C-alpha atoms as a PDB file:
ATOM      1  CA  MET A   1       0.005   0.134   0.007  1.00  0.00           C
ATOM      2  CA  LEU A   2       1.273   3.480  -1.085  1.00  0.00           C
ATOM      3  CA  LYS A   3       1.246   6.393   1.741  1.00  0.00           C
ATOM      4  CA  ILE A   4      -0.038   9.149  -0.024  1.00  0.00           C
ATOM      5  CA  GLY A   5       0.111  12.673   2.071  1.00  0.00           C
ATOM      6  CA  ILE A   6      -2.192  15.646   0.785  1.00  0.00           C
ATOM      7  CA  THR A   7      -1.522  18.581   2.254  1.00  0.00           C
ATOM      8  CA  GLY A   8      -1.994  22.631   1.077  1.00  0.00           C
ATOM      9  CA  GLY A   9      -2.412  26.386   2.553  1.00  0.00           C
ATOM     10  CA  ILE A  10      -5.204  27.305   4.062  1.00  0.00           C
ATOM     11  CA  GLY A  11      -8.086  27.441   1.969  1.00  0.00           C
ATOM     12  CA  SER A  12      -6.492  25.523  -0.911  1.00  0.00           C
ATOM     13  CA  GLY A  13      -9.182  23.022  -1.289  1.00  0.00           C
ATOM     14  CA  LYS A  14      -7.842  19.958   0.232  1.00  0.00           C
ATOM     15  CA  SER A  15     -11.330  18.783   1.761  1.00  0.00           C
ATOM     16  CA  THR A  16     -13.090  19.397  -1.879  1.00  0.00           C
ATOM     17  CA  ILE A  17     -10.183  17.315  -3.442  1.00  0.00           C
ATOM     18  CA  CYS A  18     -10.230  14.760  -0.640  1.00  0.00           C
ATOM     19  CA  ASN A  19     -13.711  14.045  -1.568  1.00  0.00           C
ATOM     20  CA  MET A  20     -13.042  13.580  -4.943  1.00  0.00           C
ATOM     21  CA  PHE A  21     -10.457  10.561  -3.895  1.00  0.00           C
ATOM     22  CA  ARG A  22     -13.068   9.792  -1.663  1.00  0.00           C
ATOM     23  CA  ASN A  23     -15.289   9.536  -4.369  1.00  0.00           C
ATOM     24  CA  LEU A  24     -12.971   6.538  -6.416  1.00  0.00           C
ATOM     25  CA  GLY A  25     -12.902   4.756  -3.006  1.00  0.00           C
ATOM     26  CA  VAL A  26      -9.673   6.037  -1.576  1.00  0.00           C
ATOM     27  CA  PRO A  27      -9.469   5.819   2.282  1.00  0.00           C
ATOM     28  CA  ILE A  28      -8.729   9.641   3.696  1.00  0.00           C
ATOM     29  CA  PHE A  29      -7.450   9.885   7.138  1.00  0.00           C
ATOM     30  CA  SER A  30      -7.964  13.566   8.130  1.00  0.00           C
ATOM     31  CA  SER A  31      -5.080  14.507  10.486  1.00  0.00           C
ATOM     32  CA  ASP A  32      -6.952  17.503  11.459  1.00  0.00           C
ATOM     33  CA  GLU A  33     -10.261  16.274  11.867  1.00  0.00           C
ATOM     34  CA  GLU A  34      -8.529  13.600  13.995  1.00  0.00           C
ATOM     35  CA  GLY A  35      -6.492  16.565  16.023  1.00  0.00           C
ATOM     36  CA  ARG A  36     -10.143  18.231  16.958  1.00  0.00           C
ATOM     37  CA  LYS A  37     -11.230  14.869  18.508  1.00  0.00           C
ATOM     38  CA  ILE A  38      -7.925  14.676  20.711  1.00  0.00           C
ATOM     39  CA  LEU A  39      -8.106  18.021  21.648  1.00  0.00           C
ATOM     40  CA  ASN A  40     -11.772  17.282  22.592  1.00  0.00           C
ATOM     41  CA  GLU A  41     -11.647  13.687  24.450  1.00  0.00           C
ATOM     42  CA  ASP A  42      -7.867  13.223  25.105  1.00  0.00           C
ATOM     43  CA  GLU A  43      -7.962  14.053  28.904  1.00  0.00           C
ATOM     44  CA  GLU A  44      -4.248  13.584  28.935  1.00  0.00           C
ATOM     45  CA  VAL A  45      -4.061  16.251  26.374  1.00  0.00           C
ATOM     46  CA  ARG A  46      -6.815  18.540  27.614  1.00  0.00           C
ATOM     47  CA  ALA A  47      -5.717  18.452  31.019  1.00  0.00           C
ATOM     48  CA  GLU A  48      -2.213  19.811  29.911  1.00  0.00           C
ATOM     49  CA  ILE A  49      -3.564  22.311  27.661  1.00  0.00           C
ATOM     50  CA  LYS A  50      -5.671  23.600  30.660  1.00  0.00           C
ATOM     51  CA  LYS A  51      -2.422  23.440  32.951  1.00  0.00           C
ATOM     52  CA  LEU A  52      -0.586  25.661  30.344  1.00  0.00           C
ATOM     53  CA  TYR A  53      -2.965  28.364  29.460  1.00  0.00           C
ATOM     54  CA  GLY A  54      -5.740  27.884  32.123  1.00  0.00           C
ATOM     55  CA  GLN A  55      -9.652  27.058  32.232  1.00  0.00           C
ATOM     56  CA  ASP A  56     -10.512  29.859  30.047  1.00  0.00           C
ATOM     57  CA  MET A  57      -9.145  27.611  27.162  1.00  0.00           C
ATOM     58  CA  PHE A  58     -12.231  25.808  27.536  1.00  0.00           C
ATOM     59  CA  HIS A  59     -16.146  26.716  27.005  1.00  0.00           C
ATOM     60  CA  SER A  60     -18.656  25.733  30.171  1.00  0.00           C
ATOM     61  CA  ASN A  61     -19.564  22.687  28.549  1.00  0.00           C
ATOM     62  CA  GLY A  62     -16.117  21.551  28.906  1.00  0.00           C
ATOM     63  CA  GLU A  63     -15.245  21.381  24.905  1.00  0.00           C
ATOM     64  CA  ILE A  64     -11.935  23.162  23.813  1.00  0.00           C
ATOM     65  CA  ASP A  65     -12.730  26.906  22.801  1.00  0.00           C
ATOM     66  CA  ARG A  66     -11.212  26.283  19.425  1.00  0.00           C
ATOM     67  CA  PRO A  67     -11.681  30.274  18.216  1.00  0.00           C
ATOM     68  CA  ARG A  68      -9.602  30.822  21.400  1.00  0.00           C
ATOM     69  CA  LEU A  69      -6.945  28.400  21.175  1.00  0.00           C
ATOM     70  CA  ALA A  70      -6.432  29.554  17.373  1.00  0.00           C
ATOM     71  CA  SER A  71      -6.066  32.560  17.879  1.00  0.00           C
ATOM     72  CA  LEU A  72      -3.032  31.928  20.622  1.00  0.00           C
ATOM     73  CA  VAL A  73      -1.424  29.666  18.842  1.00  0.00           C
ATOM     74  CA  PHE A  74      -1.776  31.672  15.506  1.00  0.00           C
ATOM     75  CA  SER A  75      -0.055  34.379  17.753  1.00  0.00           C
ATOM     76  CA  ASP A  76       2.342  32.561  19.669  1.00  0.00           C
ATOM     77  CA  PRO A  77       5.444  30.741  18.048  1.00  0.00           C
ATOM     78  CA  THR A  78       5.863  28.819  21.440  1.00  0.00           C
ATOM     79  CA  ALA A  79       2.451  28.078  21.994  1.00  0.00           C
ATOM     80  CA  MET A  80       1.787  26.583  18.208  1.00  0.00           C
ATOM     81  CA  GLU A  81       4.721  24.403  19.493  1.00  0.00           C
ATOM     82  CA  ASN A  82       3.285  22.955  22.548  1.00  0.00           C
ATOM     83  CA  VAL A  83       0.073  22.030  21.148  1.00  0.00           C
ATOM     84  CA  VAL A  84       1.800  20.564  17.853  1.00  0.00           C
ATOM     85  CA  ASN A  85       3.933  18.732  20.496  1.00  0.00           C
ATOM     86  CA  LEU A  86       0.715  17.345  22.312  1.00  0.00           C
ATOM     87  CA  VAL A  87      -1.312  16.497  19.559  1.00  0.00           C
ATOM     88  CA  HIS A  88       0.637  15.575  16.633  1.00  0.00           C
ATOM     89  CA  PRO A  89       2.155  12.182  18.483  1.00  0.00           C
ATOM     90  CA  LYS A  90      -1.316  10.833  19.188  1.00  0.00           C
ATOM     91  CA  VAL A  91      -2.877  11.882  15.637  1.00  0.00           C
ATOM     92  CA  GLN A  92       0.729  10.146  14.323  1.00  0.00           C
ATOM     93  CA  ALA A  93      -0.391   7.023  16.574  1.00  0.00           C
ATOM     94  CA  LYS A  94      -4.134   6.978  15.264  1.00  0.00           C
ATOM     95  CA  TYR A  95      -2.697   6.958  11.801  1.00  0.00           C
ATOM     96  CA  GLU A  96      -0.628   3.690  11.683  1.00  0.00           C
ATOM     97  CA  LYS A  97      -3.275   1.574  13.393  1.00  0.00           C
ATOM     98  CA  TRP A  98      -5.463   3.320  10.506  1.00  0.00           C
ATOM     99  CA  CYS A  99      -3.048   2.392   7.993  1.00  0.00           C
ATOM    100  CA  VAL A 100      -3.331  -1.523   9.323  1.00  0.00           C
ATOM    101  CA  LYS A 101      -6.478  -1.681   8.965  1.00  0.00           C
ATOM    102  CA  ASN A 102      -6.183   0.102   5.596  1.00  0.00           C
ATOM    103  CA  GLU A 103      -3.210  -1.902   4.140  1.00  0.00           C
ATOM    104  CA  SER A 104      -5.614  -4.159   1.220  1.00  0.00           C
ATOM    105  CA  SER A 105      -6.083  -0.920  -0.415  1.00  0.00           C
ATOM    106  CA  PRO A 106      -3.896  -0.001  -3.449  1.00  0.00           C
ATOM    107  CA  TYR A 107      -3.156   3.595  -2.003  1.00  0.00           C
ATOM    108  CA  THR A 108      -4.171   5.890   1.003  1.00  0.00           C
ATOM    109  CA  LEU A 109      -4.689   9.629   1.723  1.00  0.00           C
ATOM    110  CA  LYS A 110      -3.075  11.601   5.106  1.00  0.00           C
ATOM    111  CA  GLU A 111      -4.688  14.618   4.291  1.00  0.00           C
ATOM    112  CA  ALA A 112      -2.606  17.472   7.091  1.00  0.00           C
ATOM    113  CA  ALA A 113      -2.850  21.145   6.488  1.00  0.00           C
ATOM    114  CA  ILE A 114       0.881  21.264   8.173  1.00  0.00           C
ATOM    115  CA  LEU A 115       2.232  18.186   6.990  1.00  0.00           C
ATOM    116  CA  PHE A 116       5.892  19.019   6.212  1.00  0.00           C
ATOM    117  CA  GLU A 117       5.413  21.614   9.657  1.00  0.00           C
ATOM    118  CA  SER A 118       4.944  18.855  11.770  1.00  0.00           C
ATOM    119  CA  GLY A 119       7.758  16.887  10.315  1.00  0.00           C
ATOM    120  CA  TYR A 120       5.022  13.425  10.001  1.00  0.00           C
ATOM    121  CA  TYR A 121       5.664  13.628   6.059  1.00  0.00           C
ATOM    122  CA  HIS A 122       9.202  11.742   6.008  1.00  0.00           C
ATOM    123  CA  ASP A 123       7.462   8.712   6.650  1.00  0.00           C
ATOM    124  CA  LEU A 124       5.006   8.648   3.607  1.00  0.00           C
ATOM    125  CA  ASP A 125       5.693   7.282  -0.193  1.00  0.00           C
ATOM    126  CA  LYS A 126       4.610  10.490  -2.058  1.00  0.00           C
ATOM    127  CA  ILE A 127       3.236  14.211  -1.291  1.00  0.00           C
ATOM    128  CA  ILE A 128       0.649  16.047  -2.840  1.00  0.00           C
ATOM    129  CA  ASN A 129       0.590  19.771  -2.521  1.00  0.00           C
ATOM    130  CA  VAL A 130      -2.828  21.623  -3.547  1.00  0.00           C
ATOM    131  CA  PHE A 131      -1.925  24.540  -4.720  1.00  0.00           C
ATOM    132  CA  ALA A 132      -4.372  27.972  -5.194  1.00  0.00           C
ATOM    133  CA  PRO A 133      -3.003  31.625  -5.760  1.00  0.00           C
ATOM    134  CA  LYS A 134      -2.437  33.417  -1.944  1.00  0.00           C
ATOM    135  CA  GLU A 135      -5.444  35.565  -2.929  1.00  0.00           C
ATOM    136  CA  VAL A 136      -7.879  32.950  -3.926  1.00  0.00           C
ATOM    137  CA  ARG A 137      -7.146  31.565  -0.569  1.00  0.00           C
ATOM    138  CA  MET A 138      -7.435  34.090   1.171  1.00  0.00           C
ATOM    139  CA  GLU A 139     -11.208  35.268  -0.134  1.00  0.00           C
ATOM    140  CA  ARG A 140     -12.073  31.291  -0.019  1.00  0.00           C
ATOM    141  CA  VAL A 141     -11.640  31.207   3.939  1.00  0.00           C
ATOM    142  CA  ILE A 142     -12.777  34.896   4.504  1.00  0.00           C
ATOM    143  CA  LYS A 143     -15.777  33.647   2.848  1.00  0.00           C
ATOM    144  CA  ARG A 144     -16.035  29.883   4.535  1.00  0.00           C
ATOM    145  CA  ASP A 145     -14.953  31.038   8.239  1.00  0.00           C
ATOM    146  CA  LYS A 146     -15.877  34.415   8.203  1.00  0.00           C
ATOM    147  CA  SER A 147     -12.759  35.735   9.210  1.00  0.00           C
ATOM    148  CA  ILE A 148     -11.610  38.976   9.045  1.00  0.00           C
ATOM    149  CA  LYS A 149      -8.207  39.390   6.485  1.00  0.00           C
ATOM    150  CA  GLU A 150      -6.057  39.534   9.328  1.00  0.00           C
ATOM    151  CA  GLU A 151      -6.879  37.297  10.746  1.00  0.00           C
ATOM    152  CA  VAL A 152      -6.830  34.550   7.663  1.00  0.00           C
ATOM    153  CA  MET A 153      -2.671  36.356   6.976  1.00  0.00           C
ATOM    154  CA  LYS A 154      -1.886  35.304  10.679  1.00  0.00           C
ATOM    155  CA  ARG A 155      -2.504  31.591   9.945  1.00  0.00           C
ATOM    156  CA  MET A 156      -1.223  31.901   6.801  1.00  0.00           C
ATOM    157  CA  ARG A 157       2.362  33.204   8.399  1.00  0.00           C
ATOM    158  CA  PHE A 158       2.590  30.094  10.664  1.00  0.00           C
ATOM    159  CA  GLN A 159       2.194  27.502   7.395  1.00  0.00           C
ATOM    160  CA  TYR A 160       5.024  27.165   5.153  1.00  0.00           C
ATOM    161  CA  THR A 161       4.666  29.290   1.795  1.00  0.00           C
ATOM    162  CA  ASP A 162       3.232  27.830  -1.659  1.00  0.00           C
ATOM    163  CA  GLU A 163       6.932  28.429  -2.861  1.00  0.00           C
ATOM    164  CA  GLU A 164       8.346  25.999  -0.162  1.00  0.00           C
ATOM    165  CA  ARG A 165       5.206  23.650  -0.183  1.00  0.00           C
ATOM    166  CA  ASN A 166       6.016  23.089  -3.914  1.00  0.00           C
ATOM    167  CA  LYS A 167       9.614  22.261  -3.348  1.00  0.00           C
ATOM    168  CA  LEU A 168       8.950  19.640  -0.897  1.00  0.00           C
ATOM    169  CA  ALA A 169       5.965  17.801  -2.741  1.00  0.00           C
ATOM    170  CA  ASP A 170       6.051  15.227  -5.379  1.00  0.00           C
ATOM    171  CA  PHE A 171       2.952  16.838  -7.286  1.00  0.00           C
ATOM    172  CA  ILE A 172       0.983  19.663  -7.290  1.00  0.00           C
ATOM    173  CA  LEU A 173      -2.625  19.747  -7.892  1.00  0.00           C
ATOM    174  CA  MET A 174      -3.343  23.226  -9.035  1.00  0.00           C
ATOM    175  CA  ASN A 175      -6.964  24.371  -8.034  1.00  0.00           C
ATOM    176  CA  GLU A 176      -8.155  27.361  -9.180  1.00  0.00           C
ATOM    177  CA  ASP A 177     -11.169  25.976 -10.578  1.00  0.00           C
ATOM    178  CA  LEU A 178     -13.730  23.032 -10.435  1.00  0.00           C
ATOM    179  CA  ASP A 179     -13.465  22.328 -13.798  1.00  0.00           C
ATOM    180  CA  SER A 180      -9.748  21.731 -13.981  1.00  0.00           C
ATOM    181  CA  LEU A 181      -9.131  19.614 -10.485  1.00  0.00           C
ATOM    182  CA  LEU A 182     -11.230  16.607 -11.690  1.00  0.00           C
ATOM    183  CA  PRO A 183      -8.753  15.540 -14.492  1.00  0.00           C
ATOM    184  CA  GLN A 184      -5.813  16.127 -12.439  1.00  0.00           C
ATOM    185  CA  VAL A 185      -6.754  13.908  -9.900  1.00  0.00           C
ATOM    186  CA  MET A 186      -8.281  10.833 -12.295  1.00  0.00           C
ATOM    187  CA  GLU A 187      -4.113  11.513 -13.312  1.00  0.00           C
ATOM    188  CA  LEU A 188      -3.197  10.862  -9.864  1.00  0.00           C
ATOM    189  CA  HIS A 189      -5.114   7.982  -9.472  1.00  0.00           C
ATOM    190  CA  GLU A 190      -4.122   6.230 -12.554  1.00  0.00           C
ATOM    191  CA  ILE A 191      -0.388   6.585 -11.289  1.00  0.00           C
ATOM    192  CA  PHE A 192      -1.303   5.771  -7.537  1.00  0.00           C
ATOM    193  CA  VAL A 193      -3.363   2.595  -8.773  1.00  0.00           C
ATOM    194  CA  ASN A 194      -0.654   1.158 -11.038  1.00  0.00           C
ATOM    195  CA  GLU A 195       2.502   1.814  -8.864  1.00  0.00           C
ATOM    196  CA  THR A 196       1.149  -0.587  -6.760  1.00  0.00           C
END
């Protein structure tokens, strides 16, 4: 089984592309989704966040206040490092178990916003970077998350640049419009299926 990573800057369209692969029967592991679950369910992680950043990082119902935590980590590199070091080893452990369950598939996709930044890309066979122009990504995120431009820019500064991601990736998917996406996805699907 080939282990393929898929990454891209905020608003690049990773989820849209993953849905296309999912429709082709490809198993998808969402690191970001698993990270959210860990933040809400893992008592060890929650206790450490409470110890580091206080009770006000949690809603009254006990859930993590994700916008507040995001605001902190995207303005403080140390906080970002702390949270990544707490959450990502646990995400990686879940991914490894998930791979065993899906080993009969020709290939799987591991979706992660900070695949390169976290260093976990070394364990993968190939990497896809989803590329969309910065202005397009900015518009998408502002519209999707009802964010303000400054907040989106702050998040972008904590991710690798498009140039850095493109240099490290084995494949680049251009996501400027939906019409051009499916042929690119189909081409990669053929490559990965034929490599196994």
